[in-house]
Amino acid sequence: MRTIKLLTIIVLSLGLVQCKEDSTGPDLPSGCSAQGIYAIAVLETALTCIATNAYADPEEALGAPDHGKTGEGKVELTGILSLGVAGNATVYMGSCIQDAEGADLRVHQVGADEAVEVQVSANQEGPFTSLGFKLCKDFCDFDLAGSGLNNIRAVRVIDSTRSFQPGAECDNTGPSPGADIDSIEVLHPGS
């Protein structure tokens, strides 16, 4: 509870969200009031490979795509969150994700092809429903169709490296282990 209150103070002081009496939590708005099409708050993380992970700041997954390079090396990247092998991050979207024709959600993943699973929930506490996993380069799209869900705001992105590289471990993946998330985007926002 103390963590939620601290997050509330930080989020509100930054002006990222506005509290309402009908909010789904102490720091997040309810309904589909649009506050942009990208993730606006980190709800929870379970990052791995922390000893080798040079990109473990969850805030880097918020907002519009903004990754860049300050040099030629792999440790000279900016604007990404590396999940670590089998790690994950759960974010709250600035707008509800509507189930419409085609893909509804885009995960911007940078670097090499990396496997990503997406789970979604109508409630920030869950339960979460998997939309499957994909091998992503640059970005990969996910569709709510078949999930039975609509108006989703909570999204969990999970590294699924071991689905394609069963021997992947923290000590053999370099400074950006697992999927490297730049941004999460709503393709069909609610109004």
Protein backbone atom coordinates (compact mmCIF):
# COMPACT_ATOMS: atom_id res chain seq x y z
CA MET A 1 0.00 0.00 0.00
CA ARG A 2 2.86 2.35 0.80
CA THR A 3 4.33 1.78 -2.69
CA ILE A 4 1.01 2.71 -4.29
CA LYS A 5 0.80 5.91 -2.25
CA LEU A 6 4.37 6.85 -3.19
CA LEU A 7 3.64 6.15 -6.86
CA THR A 8 0.50 8.29 -6.55
CA ILE A 9 2.48 11.21 -5.19
CA ILE A 10 5.15 10.89 -7.89
CA VAL A 11 2.65 10.47 -10.73
CA LEU A 12 0.47 13.35 -9.56
CA SER A 13 3.43 15.66 -8.97
CA LEU A 14 4.58 15.00 -12.53
CA GLY A 15 1.09 15.75 -13.83
CA LEU A 16 0.87 12.47 -15.69
CA VAL A 17 -2.67 11.60 -14.67
CA GLN A 18 -5.56 13.28 -12.93
CA CYS A 19 -7.34 11.55 -10.10
CA LYS A 20 -11.09 11.24 -10.19
CA GLU A 21 -13.48 9.94 -7.57
CA ASP A 22 -14.32 6.98 -9.80
CA SER A 23 -10.68 6.02 -10.43
CA THR A 24 -9.66 2.37 -10.61
CA GLY A 25 -6.87 2.98 -8.13
CA PRO A 26 -5.47 5.85 -6.11
CA ASP A 27 -3.31 7.02 -9.01
CA LEU A 28 -5.07 6.02 -12.23
CA PRO A 29 -8.16 7.32 -14.00
CA SER A 30 -11.09 5.08 -14.84
CA GLY A 31 -13.13 4.84 -17.98
CA CYS A 32 -11.68 5.52 -21.39
CA SER A 33 -10.80 9.17 -20.99
CA ALA A 34 -7.93 9.65 -23.40
CA GLN A 35 -4.58 10.76 -22.05
CA GLY A 36 -2.67 9.76 -25.15
CA ILE A 37 -2.14 6.50 -27.00
CA TYR A 38 0.97 5.35 -25.12
CA ALA A 39 1.64 3.85 -21.68
CA ILE A 40 1.39 6.53 -18.97
CA ALA A 41 2.30 4.64 -15.78
CA VAL A 42 4.26 1.57 -14.71
CA LEU A 43 2.09 -0.66 -12.52
CA GLU A 44 4.62 -3.35 -11.72
CA THR A 45 7.83 -4.96 -12.95
CA ALA A 46 9.57 -8.28 -12.51
CA LEU A 47 12.83 -7.57 -14.33
CA THR A 48 15.58 -10.19 -14.41
CA CYS A 49 19.30 -10.24 -15.17
CA ILE A 50 19.71 -7.07 -13.09
CA ALA A 51 23.46 -7.69 -12.61
CA THR A 52 24.07 -7.44 -16.39
CA ASN A 53 21.13 -5.28 -17.43
CA ALA A 54 22.24 -1.77 -18.38
CA TYR A 55 18.64 -0.76 -19.20
CA ALA A 56 16.49 -1.48 -16.12
CA ASP A 57 14.60 1.83 -15.80
CA PRO A 58 10.87 0.98 -16.23
CA GLU A 59 10.04 4.63 -17.00
CA GLU A 60 11.79 4.19 -20.37
CA ALA A 61 8.80 2.12 -21.57
CA LEU A 62 6.43 5.07 -21.09
CA GLY A 63 5.41 7.56 -23.75
CA ALA A 64 6.06 7.64 -27.48
CA PRO A 65 8.92 5.72 -29.12
CA ASP A 66 12.14 7.57 -28.36
CA HIS A 67 15.04 5.11 -28.47
CA GLY A 68 18.33 6.26 -29.85
CA LYS A 69 22.07 5.63 -29.92
CA THR A 70 24.87 7.68 -28.48
CA GLY A 71 27.51 5.57 -30.24
CA GLU A 72 28.12 2.33 -32.10
CA GLY A 73 28.18 -0.09 -29.16
CA LYS A 74 25.26 -2.00 -27.65
CA VAL A 75 25.71 -0.22 -24.31
CA GLU A 76 25.25 3.15 -25.98
CA LEU A 77 21.49 2.93 -26.46
CA THR A 78 18.95 5.28 -24.90
CA GLY A 79 15.21 5.16 -24.26
CA ILE A 80 14.70 1.41 -23.75
CA LEU A 81 13.73 -1.00 -20.97
CA SER A 82 15.34 -4.45 -21.17
CA LEU A 83 13.04 -6.95 -19.49
CA GLY A 84 15.71 -9.58 -18.88
CA VAL A 85 15.27 -13.26 -19.70
CA ALA A 86 11.64 -14.12 -18.77
CA GLY A 87 11.20 -10.70 -17.12
CA ASN A 88 8.10 -8.54 -17.48
CA ALA A 89 6.61 -5.09 -17.02
CA THR A 90 2.97 -4.12 -16.56
CA VAL A 91 1.86 -0.68 -17.71
CA TYR A 92 -1.28 1.43 -17.70
CA MET A 93 -2.26 2.87 -21.07
CA GLY A 94 -3.28 6.48 -21.65
CA SER A 95 -6.40 5.34 -23.46
CA CYS A 96 -8.54 2.22 -23.49
CA ILE A 97 -7.66 -0.31 -26.15
CA GLN A 98 -10.70 -1.05 -28.30
CA ASP A 99 -11.19 -4.35 -30.11
CA ALA A 100 -11.60 -3.19 -33.71
CA GLU A 101 -10.68 -4.54 -37.15
CA GLY A 102 -7.05 -5.69 -37.25
CA ALA A 103 -4.35 -5.24 -34.63
CA ASP A 104 -5.27 -3.19 -31.56
CA LEU A 105 -1.95 -2.85 -29.70
CA ARG A 106 1.68 -2.35 -30.81
CA VAL A 107 4.82 -3.12 -28.82
CA HIS A 108 7.88 -1.21 -30.03
CA GLN A 109 10.85 -3.53 -29.47
CA VAL A 110 14.33 -2.48 -30.60
CA GLY A 111 17.49 -4.36 -31.41
CA ALA A 112 17.59 -7.96 -32.54
CA ASP A 113 14.54 -10.16 -33.09
CA GLU A 114 13.24 -10.98 -29.62
CA ALA A 115 10.17 -12.89 -28.49
CA VAL A 116 7.49 -10.97 -26.63
CA GLU A 117 4.25 -12.16 -25.03
CA VAL A 118 1.47 -9.67 -24.30
CA GLN A 119 -1.18 -10.13 -21.61
CA VAL A 120 -4.04 -7.70 -21.02
CA SER A 121 -6.58 -7.02 -18.32
CA ALA A 122 -9.59 -4.78 -17.81
CA ASN A 123 -8.37 -4.32 -14.22
CA GLN A 124 -4.89 -3.31 -13.10
CA GLU A 125 -4.83 -6.17 -10.58
CA GLY A 126 -5.81 -8.78 -13.21
CA PRO A 127 -6.65 -11.44 -14.09
CA PHE A 128 -4.56 -11.13 -17.25
CA THR A 129 -5.39 -12.81 -20.57
CA SER A 130 -2.63 -13.73 -23.01
CA LEU A 131 -2.79 -12.41 -26.57
CA GLY A 132 0.02 -14.81 -27.50
CA PHE A 133 3.68 -14.21 -28.26
CA LYS A 134 5.57 -13.10 -31.34
CA LEU A 135 9.12 -12.71 -32.51
CA CYS A 136 9.50 -8.92 -32.78
CA LYS A 137 11.92 -6.63 -34.56
CA ASP A 138 11.16 -2.92 -34.46
CA PHE A 139 7.56 -3.61 -33.46
CA CYS A 140 4.93 -6.31 -33.29
CA ASP A 141 1.18 -5.99 -33.24
CA PHE A 142 -1.36 -7.81 -31.10
CA ASP A 143 -5.13 -8.18 -31.54
CA LEU A 144 -7.80 -8.37 -28.83
CA ALA A 145 -9.98 -10.48 -31.16
CA GLY A 146 -10.81 -13.80 -29.56
CA SER A 147 -9.86 -12.64 -26.06
CA GLY A 148 -13.42 -11.63 -25.16
CA LEU A 149 -12.03 -8.33 -23.85
CA ASN A 150 -12.57 -4.71 -24.84
CA ASN A 151 -11.73 -1.33 -23.29
CA ILE A 152 -8.41 -2.57 -21.87
CA ARG A 153 -5.94 -0.31 -20.04
CA ALA A 154 -3.55 -2.71 -18.26
CA VAL A 155 -0.91 -4.37 -20.46
CA ARG A 156 1.81 -6.79 -19.36
CA VAL A 157 4.75 -7.36 -21.71
CA ILE A 158 6.76 -10.52 -21.01
CA ASP A 159 10.09 -11.55 -22.47
CA SER A 160 9.70 -14.92 -24.19
CA THR A 161 13.32 -15.37 -25.32
CA ARG A 162 13.39 -18.99 -24.12
CA SER A 163 10.57 -19.83 -26.56
CA PHE A 164 13.08 -19.47 -29.39
CA GLN A 165 16.40 -19.80 -27.50
CA PRO A 166 15.88 -22.41 -24.76
CA GLY A 167 19.44 -21.96 -23.44
CA ALA A 168 19.18 -18.20 -22.91
CA GLU A 169 20.46 -17.20 -19.47
CA CYS A 170 21.35 -13.87 -17.89
CA ASP A 171 25.08 -14.47 -18.17
CA ASN A 172 25.05 -15.05 -21.94
CA THR A 173 22.74 -12.30 -23.19
CA GLY A 174 24.86 -9.13 -22.90
CA PRO A 175 23.97 -5.70 -21.47
CA SER A 176 20.39 -5.66 -22.78
CA PRO A 177 19.03 -9.10 -21.84
CA GLY A 178 15.63 -10.14 -23.11
CA ALA A 179 13.22 -7.98 -25.06
CA ASP A 180 14.12 -4.29 -25.28
CA ILE A 181 10.91 -2.28 -24.97
CA ASP A 182 10.82 1.26 -26.29
CA SER A 183 7.09 1.94 -26.14
CA ILE A 184 3.62 0.40 -26.03
CA GLU A 185 0.99 1.96 -28.28
CA VAL A 186 -2.81 1.79 -28.55
CA LEU A 187 -3.79 1.38 -32.22
CA HIS A 188 -7.55 1.65 -31.62
CA PRO A 189 -8.05 4.09 -28.73
CA GLY A 190 -11.34 4.53 -26.90
CA SER A 191 -13.00 7.88 -26.55
